Amino acid sequence: MLALPGAYEDFPFGADVPVFKVEGKMFAYLSPDRDPPWLTLKLDPAMGQLARSTYTSVHAGYHMNKDHWNTILLDDSIPSPEILAWIEESYELVVAGLPRTKREALRRNSEN
């Protein structure tokens, strides 16, 4: 997640819950102390509904807007490429909501 342009880790919910942000906006958070660990991501509502209906380990976002956020139980039941695609989707949705100047700056920085 930190390889995405402008992505950084923050701990607003405590030292045990890493939150991944871009330009101050959250696109993912991890609950590593859960068994199995949880990853919460923002997805397009239709994609989120499809993920929930396809995988029993995907649920409406825990303590989040249930239309946009999804909590994924990292129990190895979902192929890693699928999870990586969802992480990128979450990042892109958040970046799309940023002001144009910030989006353009991220793109410029990723090209360098």
PDB file of N, CA and C in Angstrom:
ATOM      1  N   MET A   1       0.821  -1.196   0.000  1.00  0.00           N
ATOM      2  CA  MET A   1       0.000   0.000   0.000  1.00  0.00           C
ATOM      3  C   MET A   1       0.858   1.249   0.000  1.00  0.00           C
ATOM      4  N   LEU A   2       1.989   1.171   0.674  1.00  0.00           N
ATOM      5  CA  LEU A   2       2.862   2.334   0.762  1.00  0.00           C
ATOM      6  C   LEU A   2       3.584   2.609  -0.549  1.00  0.00           C
ATOM      7  N   ALA A   3       3.539   1.680  -1.496  1.00  0.00           N
ATOM      8  CA  ALA A   3       4.163   1.892  -2.803  1.00  0.00           C
ATOM      9  C   ALA A   3       3.305   2.778  -3.709  1.00  0.00           C
ATOM     10  N   LEU A   4       2.052   2.996  -3.353  1.00  0.00           N
ATOM     11  CA  LEU A   4       1.172   3.846  -4.153  1.00  0.00           C
ATOM     12  C   LEU A   4       1.601   5.305  -3.999  1.00  0.00           C
ATOM     13  N   PRO A   5       1.529   6.094  -5.064  1.00  0.00           N
ATOM     14  CA  PRO A   5       1.997   7.486  -5.011  1.00  0.00           C
ATOM     15  C   PRO A   5       1.351   8.294  -3.886  1.00  0.00           C
ATOM     16  N   GLY A   6       2.180   8.876  -3.042  1.00  0.00           N
ATOM     17  CA  GLY A   6       1.705   9.733  -1.958  1.00  0.00           C
ATOM     18  C   GLY A   6       1.128   9.007  -0.766  1.00  0.00           C
ATOM     19  N   ALA A   7       1.123   7.674  -0.785  1.00  0.00           N
ATOM     20  CA  ALA A   7       0.541   6.901   0.318  1.00  0.00           C
ATOM     21  C   ALA A   7       1.472   6.933   1.528  1.00  0.00           C
ATOM     22  N   TYR A   8       0.858   7.004   2.687  1.00  0.00           N
ATOM     23  CA  TYR A   8       1.625   6.950   3.933  1.00  0.00           C
ATOM     24  C   TYR A   8       0.786   6.291   5.014  1.00  0.00           C
ATOM     25  N   GLU A   9       1.476   5.886   6.071  1.00  0.00           N
ATOM     26  CA  GLU A   9       0.846   5.187   7.192  1.00  0.00           C
ATOM     27  C   GLU A   9       0.651   6.171   8.342  1.00  0.00           C
ATOM     28  N   ASP A  10      -0.490   6.067   9.003  1.00  0.00           N
ATOM     29  CA  ASP A  10      -0.821   6.922  10.141  1.00  0.00           C
ATOM     30  C   ASP A  10      -1.463   6.036  11.208  1.00  0.00           C
ATOM     31  N   PHE A  11      -1.552   6.535  12.430  1.00  0.00           N
ATOM     32  CA  PHE A  11      -2.117   5.736  13.530  1.00  0.00           C
ATOM     33  C   PHE A  11      -3.129   6.546  14.340  1.00  0.00           C
ATOM     34  N   PRO A  12      -4.188   7.076  13.703  1.00  0.00           N
ATOM     35  CA  PRO A  12      -5.155   7.896  14.438  1.00  0.00           C
ATOM     36  C   PRO A  12      -6.028   7.103  15.412  1.00  0.00           C
ATOM     37  N   PHE A  13      -6.117   5.779  15.227  1.00  0.00           N
ATOM     38  CA  PHE A  13      -6.956   4.936  16.087  1.00  0.00           C
ATOM     39  C   PHE A  13      -6.141   4.182  17.133  1.00  0.00           C
ATOM     40  N   GLY A  14      -4.867   4.501  17.241  1.00  0.00           N
ATOM     41  CA  GLY A  14      -3.999   3.828  18.194  1.00  0.00           C
ATOM     42  C   GLY A  14      -2.867   3.106  17.491  1.00  0.00           C
ATOM     43  N   ALA A  15      -1.846   2.760  18.255  1.00  0.00           N
ATOM     44  CA  ALA A  15      -0.626   2.174  17.704  1.00  0.00           C
ATOM     45  C   ALA A  15      -0.840   0.804  17.062  1.00  0.00           C
ATOM     46  N   ASP A  16      -1.959   0.151  17.370  1.00  0.00           N
ATOM     47  CA  ASP A  16      -2.187  -1.194  16.842  1.00  0.00           C
ATOM     48  C   ASP A  16      -3.075  -1.231  15.601  1.00  0.00           C
ATOM     49  N   VAL A  17      -3.448  -0.059  15.062  1.00  0.00           N
ATOM     50  CA  VAL A  17      -4.311  -0.013  13.880  1.00  0.00           C
ATOM     51  C   VAL A  17      -3.683   0.916  12.834  1.00  0.00           C
ATOM     52  N   PRO A  18      -2.863   0.357  11.928  1.00  0.00           N
ATOM     53  CA  PRO A  18      -2.299   1.200  10.874  1.00  0.00           C
ATOM     54  C   PRO A  18      -3.375   1.629   9.878  1.00  0.00           C
ATOM     55  N   VAL A  19      -3.361   2.919   9.569  1.00  0.00           N
ATOM     56  CA  VAL A  19      -4.294   3.504   8.611  1.00  0.00           C
ATOM     57  C   VAL A  19      -3.462   4.020   7.441  1.00  0.00           C
ATOM     58  N   PHE A  20      -3.897   3.715   6.241  1.00  0.00           N
ATOM     59  CA  PHE A  20      -3.170   4.122   5.037  1.00  0.00           C
ATOM     60  C   PHE A  20      -3.933   5.262   4.387  1.00  0.00           C
ATOM     61  N   LYS A  21      -3.196   6.352   4.134  1.00  0.00           N
ATOM     62  CA  LYS A  21      -3.813   7.576   3.641  1.00  0.00           C
ATOM     63  C   LYS A  21      -3.068   8.108   2.427  1.00  0.00           C
ATOM     64  N   VAL A  22      -3.767   8.966   1.705  1.00  0.00           N
ATOM     65  CA  VAL A  22      -3.183   9.772   0.646  1.00  0.00           C
ATOM     66  C   VAL A  22      -3.783  11.160   0.797  1.00  0.00           C
ATOM     67  N   GLU A  23      -2.923  12.170   0.862  1.00  0.00           N
ATOM     68  CA  GLU A  23      -3.364  13.561   1.040  1.00  0.00           C
ATOM     69  C   GLU A  23      -4.339  13.705   2.215  1.00  0.00           C
ATOM     70  N   GLY A  24      -4.067  13.005   3.299  1.00  0.00           N
ATOM     71  CA  GLY A  24      -4.879  13.115   4.507  1.00  0.00           C
ATOM     72  C   GLY A  24      -6.171  12.322   4.491  1.00  0.00           C
ATOM     73  N   LYS A  25      -6.445  11.616   3.410  1.00  0.00           N
ATOM     74  CA  LYS A  25      -7.690  10.847   3.270  1.00  0.00           C
ATOM     75  C   LYS A  25      -7.383   9.349   3.367  1.00  0.00           C
ATOM     76  N   MET A  26      -8.145   8.669   4.185  1.00  0.00           N
ATOM     77  CA  MET A  26      -7.957   7.237   4.397  1.00  0.00           C
ATOM     78  C   MET A  26      -8.441   6.437   3.190  1.00  0.00           C
ATOM     79  N   PHE A  27      -7.628   5.465   2.757  1.00  0.00           N
ATOM     80  CA  PHE A  27      -8.086   4.530   1.736  1.00  0.00           C
ATOM     81  C   PHE A  27      -8.046   3.084   2.223  1.00  0.00           C
ATOM     82  N   ALA A  28      -7.446   2.844   3.394  1.00  0.00           N
ATOM     83  CA  ALA A  28      -7.413   1.485   3.949  1.00  0.00           C
ATOM     84  C   ALA A  28      -7.011   1.543   5.409  1.00  0.00           C
ATOM     85  N   TYR A  29      -7.479   0.569   6.162  1.00  0.00           N
ATOM     86  CA  TYR A  29      -6.909   0.362   7.491  1.00  0.00           C
ATOM     87  C   TYR A  29      -6.879  -1.113   7.810  1.00  0.00           C
ATOM     88  N   LEU A  30      -5.917  -1.459   8.642  1.00  0.00           N
ATOM     89  CA  LEU A  30      -5.661  -2.845   8.979  1.00  0.00           C
ATOM     90  C   LEU A  30      -5.902  -3.056  10.461  1.00  0.00           C
ATOM     91  N   SER A  31      -6.547  -4.157  10.793  1.00  0.00           N
ATOM     92  CA  SER A  31      -6.729  -4.561  12.185  1.00  0.00           C
ATOM     93  C   SER A  31      -5.944  -5.853  12.376  1.00  0.00           C
ATOM     94  N   PRO A  32      -4.614  -5.732  12.581  1.00  0.00           N
ATOM     95  CA  PRO A  32      -3.760  -6.929  12.606  1.00  0.00           C
ATOM     96  C   PRO A  32      -3.941  -7.810  13.833  1.00  0.00           C
ATOM     97  N   ASP A  33      -4.511  -7.274  14.908  1.00  0.00           N
ATOM     98  CA  ASP A  33      -4.677  -8.064  16.130  1.00  0.00           C
ATOM     99  C   ASP A  33      -5.893  -8.979  16.090  1.00  0.00           C
ATOM    100  N   ARG A  34      -6.733  -8.840  15.069  1.00  0.00           N
ATOM    101  CA  ARG A  34      -7.878  -9.742  14.910  1.00  0.00           C
ATOM    102  C   ARG A  34      -7.375 -11.088  14.415  1.00  0.00           C
ATOM    103  N   ASP A  35      -8.155 -12.122  14.637  1.00  0.00           N
ATOM    104  CA  ASP A  35      -7.783 -13.442  14.158  1.00  0.00           C
ATOM    105  C   ASP A  35      -8.928 -14.013  13.329  1.00  0.00           C
ATOM    106  N   PRO A  36      -8.835 -13.986  12.008  1.00  0.00           N
ATOM    107  CA  PRO A  36      -7.732 -13.495  11.190  1.00  0.00           C
ATOM    108  C   PRO A  36      -7.729 -11.963  11.128  1.00  0.00           C
ATOM    109  N   PRO A  37      -6.618 -11.375  10.667  1.00  0.00           N
ATOM    110  CA  PRO A  37      -6.562  -9.914  10.547  1.00  0.00           C
ATOM    111  C   PRO A  37      -7.635  -9.402   9.596  1.00  0.00           C
ATOM    112  N   TRP A  38      -8.040  -8.145   9.815  1.00  0.00           N
ATOM    113  CA  TRP A  38      -9.039  -7.494   8.972  1.00  0.00           C
ATOM    114  C   TRP A  38      -8.379  -6.388   8.178  1.00  0.00           C
ATOM    115  N   LEU A  39      -8.817  -6.224   6.932  1.00  0.00           N
ATOM    116  CA  LEU A  39      -8.419  -5.107   6.086  1.00  0.00           C
ATOM    117  C   LEU A  39      -9.694  -4.426   5.625  1.00  0.00           C
ATOM    118  N   THR A  40      -9.800  -3.134   5.857  1.00  0.00           N
ATOM    119  CA  THR A  40     -10.996  -2.394   5.458  1.00  0.00           C
ATOM    120  C   THR A  40     -10.624  -1.443   4.329  1.00  0.00           C
ATOM    121  N   LEU A  41     -11.405  -1.519   3.232  1.00  0.00           N
ATOM    122  CA  LEU A  41     -11.136  -0.765   2.018  1.00  0.00           C
ATOM    123  C   LEU A  41     -12.400  -0.096   1.499  1.00  0.00           C
ATOM    124  N   LYS A  42     -12.208   0.992   0.779  1.00  0.00           N
ATOM    125  CA  LYS A  42     -13.306   1.664   0.091  1.00  0.00           C
ATOM    126  C   LYS A  42     -13.429   1.054  -1.303  1.00  0.00           C
ATOM    127  N   LEU A  43     -14.634   0.639  -1.679  1.00  0.00           N
ATOM    128  CA  LEU A  43     -14.881   0.104  -3.011  1.00  0.00           C
ATOM    129  C   LEU A  43     -16.122   0.757  -3.595  1.00  0.00           C
ATOM    130  N   ASP A  44     -16.180   0.795  -4.918  1.00  0.00           N
ATOM    131  CA  ASP A  44     -17.405   1.210  -5.582  1.00  0.00           C
ATOM    132  C   ASP A  44     -18.538   0.348  -5.022  1.00  0.00           C
ATOM    133  N   PRO A  45     -19.701   0.939  -4.707  1.00  0.00           N
ATOM    134  CA  PRO A  45     -20.773   0.148  -4.086  1.00  0.00           C
ATOM    135  C   PRO A  45     -21.127  -1.139  -4.840  1.00  0.00           C
ATOM    136  N   ALA A  46     -21.163  -1.089  -6.169  1.00  0.00           N
ATOM    137  CA  ALA A  46     -21.495  -2.301  -6.932  1.00  0.00           C
ATOM    138  C   ALA A  46     -20.393  -3.344  -6.788  1.00  0.00           C
ATOM    139  N   MET A  47     -19.135  -2.899  -6.806  1.00  0.00           N
ATOM    140  CA  MET A  47     -18.020  -3.830  -6.642  1.00  0.00           C
ATOM    141  C   MET A  47     -18.030  -4.426  -5.236  1.00  0.00           C
ATOM    142  N   GLY A  48     -18.340  -3.603  -4.252  1.00  0.00           N
ATOM    143  CA  GLY A  48     -18.417  -4.093  -2.881  1.00  0.00           C
ATOM    144  C   GLY A  48     -19.509  -5.139  -2.714  1.00  0.00           C
ATOM    145  N   GLN A  49     -20.669  -4.879  -3.301  1.00  0.00           N
ATOM    146  CA  GLN A  49     -21.761  -5.856  -3.223  1.00  0.00           C
ATOM    147  C   GLN A  49     -21.377  -7.164  -3.903  1.00  0.00           C
ATOM    148  N   LEU A  50     -20.701  -7.059  -5.047  1.00  0.00           N
ATOM    149  CA  LEU A  50     -20.259  -8.264  -5.744  1.00  0.00           C
ATOM    150  C   LEU A  50     -19.245  -9.035  -4.896  1.00  0.00           C
ATOM    151  N   ALA A  51     -18.312  -8.329  -4.288  1.00  0.00           N
ATOM    152  CA  ALA A  51     -17.314  -8.983  -3.434  1.00  0.00           C
ATOM    153  C   ALA A  51     -17.981  -9.675  -2.252  1.00  0.00           C
ATOM    154  N   ARG A  52     -18.966  -9.008  -1.642  1.00  0.00           N
ATOM    155  CA  ARG A  52     -19.672  -9.601  -0.497  1.00  0.00           C
ATOM    156  C   ARG A  52     -20.464 -10.831  -0.890  1.00  0.00           C
ATOM    157  N   SER A  53     -21.043 -10.806  -2.101  1.00  0.00           N
ATOM    158  CA  SER A  53     -21.833 -11.964  -2.534  1.00  0.00           C
ATOM    159  C   SER A  53     -20.944 -13.104  -3.038  1.00  0.00           C
ATOM    160  N   THR A  54     -19.712 -12.791  -3.429  1.00  0.00           N
ATOM    161  CA  THR A  54     -18.790 -13.805  -3.948  1.00  0.00           C
ATOM    162  C   THR A  54     -17.990 -14.475  -2.840  1.00  0.00           C
ATOM    163  N   TYR A  55     -17.567 -13.691  -1.847  1.00  0.00           N
ATOM    164  CA  TYR A  55     -16.686 -14.194  -0.791  1.00  0.00           C
ATOM    165  C   TYR A  55     -17.339 -14.032   0.579  1.00  0.00           C
ATOM    166  N   THR A  56     -17.394 -15.102   1.335  1.00  0.00           N
ATOM    167  CA  THR A  56     -17.978 -15.032   2.678  1.00  0.00           C
ATOM    168  C   THR A  56     -17.093 -14.248   3.649  1.00  0.00           C
ATOM    169  N   SER A  57     -15.854 -14.003   3.264  1.00  0.00           N
ATOM    170  CA  SER A  57     -14.943 -13.267   4.149  1.00  0.00           C
ATOM    171  C   SER A  57     -14.937 -11.762   3.870  1.00  0.00           C
ATOM    172  N   VAL A  58     -15.859 -11.272   3.040  1.00  0.00           N
ATOM    173  CA  VAL A  58     -16.000  -9.835   2.798  1.00  0.00           C
ATOM    174  C   VAL A  58     -17.328  -9.389   3.404  1.00  0.00           C
ATOM    175  N   HIS A  59     -17.256  -8.364   4.243  1.00  0.00           N
ATOM    176  CA  HIS A  59     -18.434  -7.865   4.961  1.00  0.00           C
ATOM    177  C   HIS A  59     -18.538  -6.357   4.796  1.00  0.00           C
ATOM    178  N   ALA A  60     -19.714  -5.829   5.107  1.00  0.00           N
ATOM    179  CA  ALA A  60     -19.880  -4.375   5.131  1.00  0.00           C
ATOM    180  C   ALA A  60     -18.857  -3.792   6.094  1.00  0.00           C
ATOM    181  N   GLY A  61     -18.334  -2.636   5.771  1.00  0.00           N
ATOM    182  CA  GLY A  61     -17.269  -2.021   6.559  1.00  0.00           C
ATOM    183  C   GLY A  61     -17.601  -1.886   8.031  1.00  0.00           C
ATOM    184  N   TYR A  62     -16.703  -2.355   8.859  1.00  0.00           N
ATOM    185  CA  TYR A  62     -16.866  -2.297  10.313  1.00  0.00           C
ATOM    186  C   TYR A  62     -16.737  -0.849  10.767  1.00  0.00           C
ATOM    187  N   HIS A  63     -17.780  -0.309  11.371  1.00  0.00           N
ATOM    188  CA  HIS A  63     -17.836   1.075  11.837  1.00  0.00           C
ATOM    189  C   HIS A  63     -17.609   2.088  10.717  1.00  0.00           C
ATOM    190  N   MET A  64     -18.025   1.753   9.508  1.00  0.00           N
ATOM    191  CA  MET A  64     -17.832   2.627   8.353  1.00  0.00           C
ATOM    192  C   MET A  64     -19.131   2.692   7.564  1.00  0.00           C
ATOM    193  N   ASN A  65     -19.171   3.586   6.563  1.00  0.00           N
ATOM    194  CA  ASN A  65     -20.308   3.668   5.659  1.00  0.00           C
ATOM    195  C   ASN A  65     -20.443   2.325   4.943  1.00  0.00           C
ATOM    196  N   LYS A  66     -21.551   1.652   5.152  1.00  0.00           N
ATOM    197  CA  LYS A  66     -21.733   0.283   4.660  1.00  0.00           C
ATOM    198  C   LYS A  66     -21.866   0.201   3.139  1.00  0.00           C
ATOM    199  N   ASP A  67     -22.171   1.314   2.475  1.00  0.00           N
ATOM    200  CA  ASP A  67     -22.279   1.298   1.019  1.00  0.00           C
ATOM    201  C   ASP A  67     -20.913   1.323   0.347  1.00  0.00           C
ATOM    202  N   HIS A  68     -19.955   1.993   0.958  1.00  0.00           N
ATOM    203  CA  HIS A  68     -18.665   2.226   0.311  1.00  0.00           C
ATOM    204  C   HIS A  68     -17.499   1.450   0.911  1.00  0.00           C
ATOM    205  N   TRP A  69     -17.609   1.077   2.161  1.00  0.00           N
ATOM    206  CA  TRP A  69     -16.478   0.447   2.849  1.00  0.00           C
ATOM    207  C   TRP A  69     -16.758  -1.023   3.105  1.00  0.00           C
ATOM    208  N   ASN A  70     -15.704  -1.825   2.957  1.00  0.00           N
ATOM    209  CA  ASN A  70     -15.806  -3.272   3.082  1.00  0.00           C
ATOM    210  C   ASN A  70     -14.679  -3.785   3.952  1.00  0.00           C
ATOM    211  N   THR A  71     -15.006  -4.671   4.872  1.00  0.00           N
ATOM    212  CA  THR A  71     -14.005  -5.291   5.725  1.00  0.00           C
ATOM    213  C   THR A  71     -13.757  -6.703   5.209  1.00  0.00           C
ATOM    214  N   ILE A  72     -12.491  -6.983   4.965  1.00  0.00           N
ATOM    215  CA  ILE A  72     -12.064  -8.253   4.401  1.00  0.00           C
ATOM    216  C   ILE A  72     -11.318  -9.032   5.477  1.00  0.00           C
ATOM    217  N   LEU A  73     -11.787 -10.223   5.760  1.00  0.00           N
ATOM    218  CA  LEU A  73     -11.085 -11.098   6.695  1.00  0.00           C
ATOM    219  C   LEU A  73      -9.946 -11.758   5.927  1.00  0.00           C
ATOM    220  N   LEU A  74      -8.729 -11.532   6.360  1.00  0.00           N
ATOM    221  CA  LEU A  74      -7.558 -12.058   5.652  1.00  0.00           C
ATOM    222  C   LEU A  74      -7.294 -13.503   6.098  1.00  0.00           C
ATOM    223  N   ASP A  75      -8.185 -14.387   5.641  1.00  0.00           N
ATOM    224  CA  ASP A  75      -8.146 -15.796   6.034  1.00  0.00           C
ATOM    225  C   ASP A  75      -7.661 -16.702   4.909  1.00  0.00           C
ATOM    226  N   ASP A  76      -7.042 -16.120   3.880  1.00  0.00           N
ATOM    227  CA  ASP A  76      -6.505 -16.842   2.719  1.00  0.00           C
ATOM    228  C   ASP A  76      -7.585 -17.424   1.811  1.00  0.00           C
ATOM    229  N   SER A  77      -8.829 -17.004   1.975  1.00  0.00           N
ATOM    230  CA  SER A  77      -9.892 -17.514   1.107  1.00  0.00           C
ATOM    231  C   SER A  77     -10.051 -16.691  -0.172  1.00  0.00           C
ATOM    232  N   ILE A  78      -9.406 -15.538  -0.230  1.00  0.00           N
ATOM    233  CA  ILE A  78      -9.483 -14.665  -1.402  1.00  0.00           C
ATOM    234  C   ILE A  78      -8.098 -14.612  -2.033  1.00  0.00           C
ATOM    235  N   PRO A  79      -8.004 -14.813  -3.341  1.00  0.00           N
ATOM    236  CA  PRO A  79      -6.698 -14.756  -4.001  1.00  0.00           C
ATOM    237  C   PRO A  79      -6.025 -13.388  -3.790  1.00  0.00           C
ATOM    238  N   SER A  80      -4.733 -13.420  -3.532  1.00  0.00           N
ATOM    239  CA  SER A  80      -3.976 -12.180  -3.294  1.00  0.00           C
ATOM    240  C   SER A  80      -4.133 -11.158  -4.415  1.00  0.00           C
ATOM    241  N   PRO A  81      -4.110 -11.570  -5.705  1.00  0.00           N
ATOM    242  CA  PRO A  81      -4.292 -10.564  -6.760  1.00  0.00           C
ATOM    243  C   PRO A  81      -5.624  -9.810  -6.655  1.00  0.00           C
ATOM    244  N   GLU A  82      -6.658 -10.487  -6.184  1.00  0.00           N
ATOM    245  CA  GLU A  82      -7.964  -9.842  -6.008  1.00  0.00           C
ATOM    246  C   GLU A  82      -7.867  -8.773  -4.917  1.00  0.00           C
ATOM    247  N   ILE A  83      -7.248  -9.108  -3.805  1.00  0.00           N
ATOM    248  CA  ILE A  83      -7.095  -8.148  -2.707  1.00  0.00           C
ATOM    249  C   ILE A  83      -6.240  -6.969  -3.152  1.00  0.00           C
ATOM    250  N   LEU A  84      -5.163  -7.238  -3.883  1.00  0.00           N
ATOM    251  CA  LEU A  84      -4.314  -6.144  -4.379  1.00  0.00           C
ATOM    252  C   LEU A  84      -5.089  -5.228  -5.319  1.00  0.00           C
ATOM    253  N   ALA A  85      -5.933  -5.783  -6.156  1.00  0.00           N
ATOM    254  CA  ALA A  85      -6.767  -4.968  -7.050  1.00  0.00           C
ATOM    255  C   ALA A  85      -7.737  -4.109  -6.241  1.00  0.00           C
ATOM    256  N   TRP A  86      -8.294  -4.652  -5.176  1.00  0.00           N
ATOM    257  CA  TRP A  86      -9.202  -3.872  -4.332  1.00  0.00           C
ATOM    258  C   TRP A  86      -8.465  -2.745  -3.622  1.00  0.00           C
ATOM    259  N   ILE A  87      -7.226  -2.999  -3.202  1.00  0.00           N
ATOM    260  CA  ILE A  87      -6.436  -1.941  -2.557  1.00  0.00           C
ATOM    261  C   ILE A  87      -6.226  -0.793  -3.551  1.00  0.00           C
ATOM    262  N   GLU A  88      -5.861  -1.128  -4.779  1.00  0.00           N
ATOM    263  CA  GLU A  88      -5.673  -0.095  -5.799  1.00  0.00           C
ATOM    264  C   GLU A  88      -6.976   0.641  -6.098  1.00  0.00           C
ATOM    265  N   GLU A  89      -8.085  -0.095  -6.145  1.00  0.00           N
ATOM    266  CA  GLU A  89      -9.404   0.518  -6.367  1.00  0.00           C
ATOM    267  C   GLU A  89      -9.720   1.512  -5.250  1.00  0.00           C
ATOM    268  N   SER A  90      -9.467   1.126  -4.015  1.00  0.00           N
ATOM    269  CA  SER A  90      -9.728   1.990  -2.874  1.00  0.00           C
ATOM    270  C   SER A  90      -8.897   3.268  -2.983  1.00  0.00           C
ATOM    271  N   TYR A  91      -7.622   3.104  -3.271  1.00  0.00           N
ATOM    272  CA  TYR A  91      -6.720   4.248  -3.438  1.00  0.00           C
ATOM    273  C   TYR A  91      -7.231   5.170  -4.551  1.00  0.00           C
ATOM    274  N   GLU A  92      -7.559   4.594  -5.702  1.00  0.00           N
ATOM    275  CA  GLU A  92      -8.016   5.391  -6.850  1.00  0.00           C
ATOM    276  C   GLU A  92      -9.321   6.132  -6.554  1.00  0.00           C
ATOM    277  N   LEU A  93     -10.237   5.501  -5.831  1.00  0.00           N
ATOM    278  CA  LEU A  93     -11.484   6.180  -5.470  1.00  0.00           C
ATOM    279  C   LEU A  93     -11.211   7.386  -4.584  1.00  0.00           C
ATOM    280  N   VAL A  94     -10.294   7.244  -3.646  1.00  0.00           N
ATOM    281  CA  VAL A  94      -9.962   8.354  -2.755  1.00  0.00           C
ATOM    282  C   VAL A  94      -9.250   9.455  -3.538  1.00  0.00           C
ATOM    283  N   VAL A  95      -8.310   9.082  -4.384  1.00  0.00           N
ATOM    284  CA  VAL A  95      -7.597  10.075  -5.191  1.00  0.00           C
ATOM    285  C   VAL A  95      -8.571  10.817  -6.109  1.00  0.00           C
ATOM    286  N   ALA A  96      -9.531  10.110  -6.669  1.00  0.00           N
ATOM    287  CA  ALA A  96     -10.514  10.738  -7.563  1.00  0.00           C
ATOM    288  C   ALA A  96     -11.322  11.819  -6.853  1.00  0.00           C
ATOM    289  N   GLY A  97     -11.466  11.699  -5.538  1.00  0.00           N
ATOM    290  CA  GLY A  97     -12.218  12.685  -4.769  1.00  0.00           C
ATOM    291  C   GLY A  97     -11.398  13.885  -4.313  1.00  0.00           C
ATOM    292  N   LEU A  98     -10.091  13.865  -4.600  1.00  0.00           N
ATOM    293  CA  LEU A  98      -9.226  14.983  -4.211  1.00  0.00           C
ATOM    294  C   LEU A  98      -9.386  16.143  -5.189  1.00  0.00           C
ATOM    295  N   PRO A  99      -9.046  17.339  -4.749  1.00  0.00           N
ATOM    296  CA  PRO A  99      -9.042  18.475  -5.685  1.00  0.00           C
ATOM    297  C   PRO A  99      -8.095  18.199  -6.863  1.00  0.00           C
ATOM    298  N   ARG A 100      -8.425  18.736  -8.010  1.00  0.00           N
ATOM    299  CA  ARG A 100      -7.669  18.487  -9.234  1.00  0.00           C
ATOM    300  C   ARG A 100      -6.181  18.766  -9.064  1.00  0.00           C
ATOM    301  N   THR A 101      -5.827  19.849  -8.385  1.00  0.00           N
ATOM    302  CA  THR A 101      -4.408  20.194  -8.227  1.00  0.00           C
ATOM    303  C   THR A 101      -3.660  19.111  -7.450  1.00  0.00           C
ATOM    304  N   LYS A 102      -4.301  18.534  -6.454  1.00  0.00           N
ATOM    305  CA  LYS A 102      -3.654  17.470  -5.687  1.00  0.00           C
ATOM    306  C   LYS A 102      -3.541  16.191  -6.511  1.00  0.00           C
ATOM    307  N   ARG A 103      -4.572  15.880  -7.297  1.00  0.00           N
ATOM    308  CA  ARG A 103      -4.510  14.698  -8.174  1.00  0.00           C
ATOM    309  C   ARG A 103      -3.373  14.840  -9.180  1.00  0.00           C
ATOM    310  N   GLU A 104      -3.271  16.019  -9.770  1.00  0.00           N
ATOM    311  CA  GLU A 104      -2.221  16.255 -10.766  1.00  0.00           C
ATOM    312  C   GLU A 104      -0.833  16.183 -10.127  1.00  0.00           C
ATOM    313  N   ALA A 105      -0.682  16.707  -8.919  1.00  0.00           N
ATOM    314  CA  ALA A 105       0.610  16.644  -8.230  1.00  0.00           C
ATOM    315  C   ALA A 105       0.995  15.195  -7.940  1.00  0.00           C
ATOM    316  N   LEU A 106       0.046  14.380  -7.535  1.00  0.00           N
ATOM    317  CA  LEU A 106       0.328  12.962  -7.306  1.00  0.00           C
ATOM    318  C   LEU A 106       0.781  12.277  -8.590  1.00  0.00           C
ATOM    319  N   ARG A 107       0.109  12.579  -9.691  1.00  0.00           N
ATOM    320  CA  ARG A 107       0.482  11.967 -10.962  1.00  0.00           C
ATOM    321  C   ARG A 107       1.874  12.414 -11.405  1.00  0.00           C
ATOM    322  N   ARG A 108       2.165  13.690 -11.234  1.00  0.00           N
ATOM    323  CA  ARG A 108       3.496  14.196 -11.597  1.00  0.00           C
ATOM    324  C   ARG A 108       4.564  13.509 -10.765  1.00  0.00           C
ATOM    325  N   ASN A 109       4.332  13.390  -9.459  1.00  0.00           N
ATOM    326  CA  ASN A 109       5.317  12.774  -8.556  1.00  0.00           C
ATOM    327  C   ASN A 109       5.500  11.289  -8.880  1.00  0.00           C
ATOM    328  N   SER A 110       4.451  10.615  -9.318  1.00  0.00           N
ATOM    329  CA  SER A 110       4.574   9.189  -9.620  1.00  0.00           C
ATOM    330  C   SER A 110       5.338   8.965 -10.916  1.00  0.00           C
ATOM    331  N   GLU A 111       5.372   9.963 -11.788  1.00  0.00           N
ATOM    332  CA  GLU A 111       6.100   9.840 -13.050  1.00  0.00           C
ATOM    333  C   GLU A 111       7.591  10.061 -12.866  1.00  0.00           C
ATOM    334  N   ASN A 112       7.981  10.706 -11.777  1.00  0.00           N
ATOM    335  CA  ASN A 112       9.417  10.999 -11.532  1.00  0.00           C
ATOM    336  C   ASN A 112      10.108   9.874 -10.836  1.00  0.00           C
TER     337      ASN A 112
END
